[in-house]
Structure formats: structure tokens, C-alpha cells
Amino acid sequence: MFSFQTIVSQCYPFVSLYFFRRSTSIENKIDPDMLNSAFTFLAIMWLACAVAFLVVTKSEFYHTFVSTITGWQLTIDSFRKSDNPETKMLTIFENHSSYTESIKDEVIAYMRDHWAEWERTSPPWFTPKFISSVGDEFIPDAHLRQLNAGGTRQRRRSSIDLKSVRELVEHHK
């Protein structure tokens, strides 16, 4: 859809030019040759930018320009198909929580099964910043109590699904 819209948007100036030239109600004081030159220049610049964009884009991502998969479908597929815990966790917690709501129980079970190992081995991605991005409901209870016991302040993060500002205000009361 993105690729289609990009191409269609480049046609609009030419369609506008066509209707502008056919209009009899507008006093046409613009030199037609100048209009043609401007539109040709803009079209060439757009094409050059599109080619430059494709040149700097990694070829393994080309399929994303024509794929019909949505963001939430990609997030869920990435979680389910990856064997790498870092990929799984960053996929889940660096995307909006609405993307993964349908597999929340699956994520909780995965984290319950692996959290102790991650604490023991401390992989490079398992940082305090990452841990703070994880909602309390995803951290196994014993480990959550341990995190809370370390300070006087409760963990601030929980992934809540708020529908309005009013719910946000009520949540923080």
C-alpha cells in the first residue's frame, strides 16, 4: 500500500496541471513552458530520490514494500518464528502493546520459562533499561518481588491499555 500511494501521489501534480490548463475560469498568467519544466524537474528529482532510497535500503527488506502483512502480524510472526531470545523480547517490548495483546499469555509463559536463566547469564540485551520496559505482569512473581524489594519505590512500569486521558488520570490517583 505504501508503494502504491507513493506512486499515485506522484501522479497528482500532473493531473492538477491537466485540469489547470483546461480551466477557463482561471486567468492563465503562468508560462506553460515554465510549468512543464517545473513538473519535469520535480518528477526527475522524485525518481532520483526513489532510486537513492532503494540503493541505501538493504535488499532483504525489499519485500516489505509490496507485502500485505500488517505491523502487528509481523510482530507476532517475529516472536513465534525466532529462536533468538533477544529478537523475541525486543520484538515484543519495542512495539506498541496493542500489537501483541492477542499473544500476551504466550509471552508471559515464555518469560516465566526463561527469566531466571536471563538473570543468571545476563545476556547483553537483558539490561536495566530493558527490564524497566517490561510490564509487571510479564515478570514472574518471585522475580518481581525481588525487583521491588531492592528499593523503597515500586516498579513504575505496567503495560496498561488506556482508552482515554480520563483513564490515565484515574490510573495515577
Protein backbone atom coordinates (compact mmCIF):
# COMPACT_ATOMS: atom_id res chain seq x y z
CA MET A 1 0.00 0.00 0.00
CA PHE A 2 2.88 2.36 0.82
CA SER A 3 4.49 1.81 -2.57
CA PHE A 4 1.17 2.24 -4.36
CA GLN A 5 0.41 5.50 -2.52
CA THR A 6 3.90 6.82 -3.24
CA ILE A 7 3.44 6.29 -6.96
CA VAL A 8 -0.11 7.65 -7.01
CA SER A 9 0.98 10.77 -5.13
CA GLN A 10 3.48 11.49 -7.87
CA CYS A 11 0.67 11.49 -10.46
CA TYR A 12 -1.40 14.14 -8.66
CA PRO A 13 0.65 17.17 -9.82
CA PHE A 14 0.29 16.11 -13.44
CA VAL A 15 -3.46 15.58 -13.06
CA SER A 16 -3.70 19.01 -11.41
CA LEU A 17 -1.73 20.55 -14.26
CA TYR A 18 -4.09 18.97 -16.75
CA PHE A 19 -7.17 20.44 -15.05
CA PHE A 20 -5.44 23.79 -14.55
CA ARG A 21 -4.75 24.08 -18.27
CA ARG A 22 -8.30 23.13 -19.19
CA SER A 23 -9.83 25.61 -16.78
CA THR A 24 -11.41 28.63 -18.40
CA SER A 25 -12.32 30.38 -15.17
CA ILE A 26 -8.72 30.95 -14.10
CA GLU A 27 -6.80 33.59 -15.93
CA ASN A 28 -3.75 31.66 -17.02
CA LYS A 29 -0.80 34.02 -16.45
CA ILE A 30 1.76 31.28 -15.90
CA ASP A 31 4.07 30.41 -18.75
CA PRO A 32 3.20 26.83 -19.88
CA ASP A 33 6.83 26.06 -20.70
CA MET A 34 7.84 27.03 -17.17
CA LEU A 35 5.14 24.72 -15.75
CA ASN A 36 6.31 21.85 -17.92
CA SER A 37 9.91 22.42 -16.87
CA ALA A 38 8.99 22.58 -13.17
CA PHE A 39 6.92 19.40 -13.29
CA THR A 40 9.58 17.56 -15.29
CA PHE A 41 12.25 18.65 -12.82
CA LEU A 42 10.13 17.52 -9.86
CA ALA A 43 9.41 14.16 -11.48
CA ILE A 44 13.10 13.58 -12.18
CA MET A 45 14.03 14.57 -8.61
CA TRP A 46 11.39 12.20 -7.21
CA LEU A 47 12.72 9.36 -9.34
CA ALA A 48 16.30 10.12 -8.25
CA CYS A 49 15.26 10.10 -4.58
CA ALA A 50 13.34 6.84 -5.02
CA VAL A 51 16.35 5.19 -6.66
CA ALA A 52 18.69 6.54 -3.97
CA PHE A 53 16.33 5.21 -1.30
CA LEU A 54 16.37 1.74 -2.85
CA VAL A 55 20.16 1.82 -3.18
CA VAL A 56 20.65 2.51 0.55
CA THR A 57 17.94 0.05 1.62
CA LYS A 58 19.14 -3.46 2.45
CA SER A 59 17.91 -5.85 -0.21
CA GLU A 60 16.44 -8.25 2.38
CA PHE A 61 13.84 -5.55 3.19
CA TYR A 62 12.62 -5.00 -0.38
CA HIS A 63 9.73 -7.40 0.18
CA THR A 64 8.29 -5.04 2.82
CA PHE A 65 7.36 -2.53 0.12
CA VAL A 66 4.91 -4.93 -1.50
CA SER A 67 3.96 -7.15 1.44
CA THR A 68 0.40 -7.13 2.72
CA ILE A 69 1.38 -8.18 6.25
CA THR A 70 0.47 -5.65 8.93
CA GLY A 71 2.70 -4.40 11.73
CA TRP A 72 1.01 -6.47 14.40
CA GLN A 73 1.14 -9.61 12.23
CA LEU A 74 4.86 -9.08 11.65
CA THR A 75 5.44 -8.59 15.37
CA ILE A 76 3.63 -11.81 16.27
CA ASP A 77 5.35 -13.77 13.48
CA SER A 78 8.75 -12.48 14.58
CA PHE A 79 8.09 -13.57 18.15
CA ARG A 80 6.81 -17.01 17.20
CA LYS A 81 9.34 -17.85 14.49
CA SER A 82 12.54 -16.59 16.12
CA ASP A 83 14.76 -18.84 18.21
CA ASN A 84 16.76 -15.86 19.50
CA PRO A 85 15.52 -14.60 22.91
CA GLU A 86 16.81 -11.08 22.19
CA THR A 87 14.83 -10.89 18.96
CA LYS A 88 11.73 -12.24 20.70
CA MET A 89 11.92 -9.79 23.60
CA LEU A 90 12.84 -6.69 21.62
CA THR A 91 10.10 -7.52 19.12
CA ILE A 92 7.55 -7.66 21.91
CA PHE A 93 8.66 -4.75 24.09
CA GLU A 94 9.81 -2.26 21.46
CA ASN A 95 6.45 -2.30 19.68
CA HIS A 96 3.14 -0.95 20.90
CA SER A 97 1.42 -3.29 23.35
CA SER A 98 -1.69 -3.44 21.14
CA TYR A 99 0.37 -5.38 18.59
CA THR A 100 0.87 -8.27 21.00
CA GLU A 101 -2.31 -8.26 23.05
CA SER A 102 -3.53 -11.44 21.34
CA ILE A 103 -0.41 -13.41 22.40
CA LYS A 104 0.04 -11.87 25.84
CA ASP A 105 -0.40 -15.21 27.64
CA GLU A 106 2.13 -16.83 25.28
CA VAL A 107 4.66 -14.07 26.04
CA ILE A 108 4.06 -14.38 29.79
CA ALA A 109 4.64 -18.14 29.62
CA TYR A 110 7.82 -17.67 27.56
CA MET A 111 9.18 -15.13 30.04
CA ARG A 112 8.25 -17.31 33.03
CA ASP A 113 10.24 -20.16 31.46
CA HIS A 114 13.34 -18.06 30.67
CA TRP A 115 13.58 -15.16 33.15
CA ALA A 116 15.72 -17.00 35.73
CA GLU A 117 18.17 -18.06 33.02
CA TRP A 118 18.46 -14.48 31.77
CA GLU A 119 19.13 -13.20 35.28
CA ARG A 120 21.79 -15.88 35.77
CA THR A 121 23.56 -15.45 32.41
CA SER A 122 22.97 -11.69 31.94
CA PRO A 123 22.85 -11.60 28.13
CA PRO A 124 23.91 -8.22 26.68
CA TRP A 125 20.31 -7.20 25.85
CA PHE A 126 18.99 -8.02 29.36
CA THR A 127 19.79 -4.59 30.77
CA PRO A 128 18.10 -2.49 33.46
CA LYS A 129 16.67 -0.38 30.64
CA PHE A 130 15.12 -3.46 29.04
CA ILE A 131 13.80 -4.72 32.39
CA SER A 132 12.19 -1.34 33.05
CA SER A 133 10.41 -1.58 29.69
CA VAL A 134 8.77 -4.85 30.69
CA GLY A 135 5.33 -4.66 32.26
CA ASP A 136 4.99 -6.15 35.75
CA GLU A 137 2.51 -8.75 34.52
CA PHE A 138 5.22 -10.28 32.30
CA ILE A 139 7.79 -10.72 35.06
CA PRO A 140 7.40 -13.92 37.09
CA ASP A 141 6.05 -13.14 40.59
CA ALA A 142 9.14 -14.21 42.56
CA HIS A 143 11.41 -12.11 40.36
CA LEU A 144 9.05 -9.15 40.50
CA ARG A 145 9.03 -9.28 44.32
CA GLN A 146 12.83 -9.40 44.22
CA LEU A 147 12.95 -6.34 41.94
CA ASN A 148 10.56 -4.46 44.22
CA ALA A 149 12.47 -5.46 47.35
CA GLY A 150 15.59 -3.74 46.08
CA GLY A 151 14.21 -0.27 46.74
CA THR A 152 11.55 1.65 48.58
CA ARG A 153 9.72 2.52 45.38
CA GLN A 154 7.55 0.04 43.48
CA ARG A 155 8.35 -0.59 39.84
CA ARG A 156 6.73 2.10 37.80
CA ARG A 157 6.03 0.08 34.66
CA SER A 158 2.99 -1.92 33.81
CA SER A 159 1.53 -2.31 30.39
CA ILE A 160 -1.98 -0.98 30.67
CA ASP A 161 -4.40 -0.44 27.87
CA LEU A 162 -5.85 3.04 28.33
CA LYS A 163 -8.67 4.19 26.14
CA SER A 164 -8.75 7.83 27.25
CA VAL A 165 -6.99 10.57 29.19
CA ARG A 166 -9.61 10.15 31.92
CA GLU A 167 -8.49 6.52 32.44
CA LEU A 168 -4.88 7.71 32.66
CA VAL A 169 -5.79 10.23 35.38
CA GLU A 170 -7.82 7.63 37.26
CA HIS A 171 -4.96 5.12 36.97
CA HIS A 172 -2.49 7.51 38.61
CA LYS A 173 -4.73 8.53 41.55
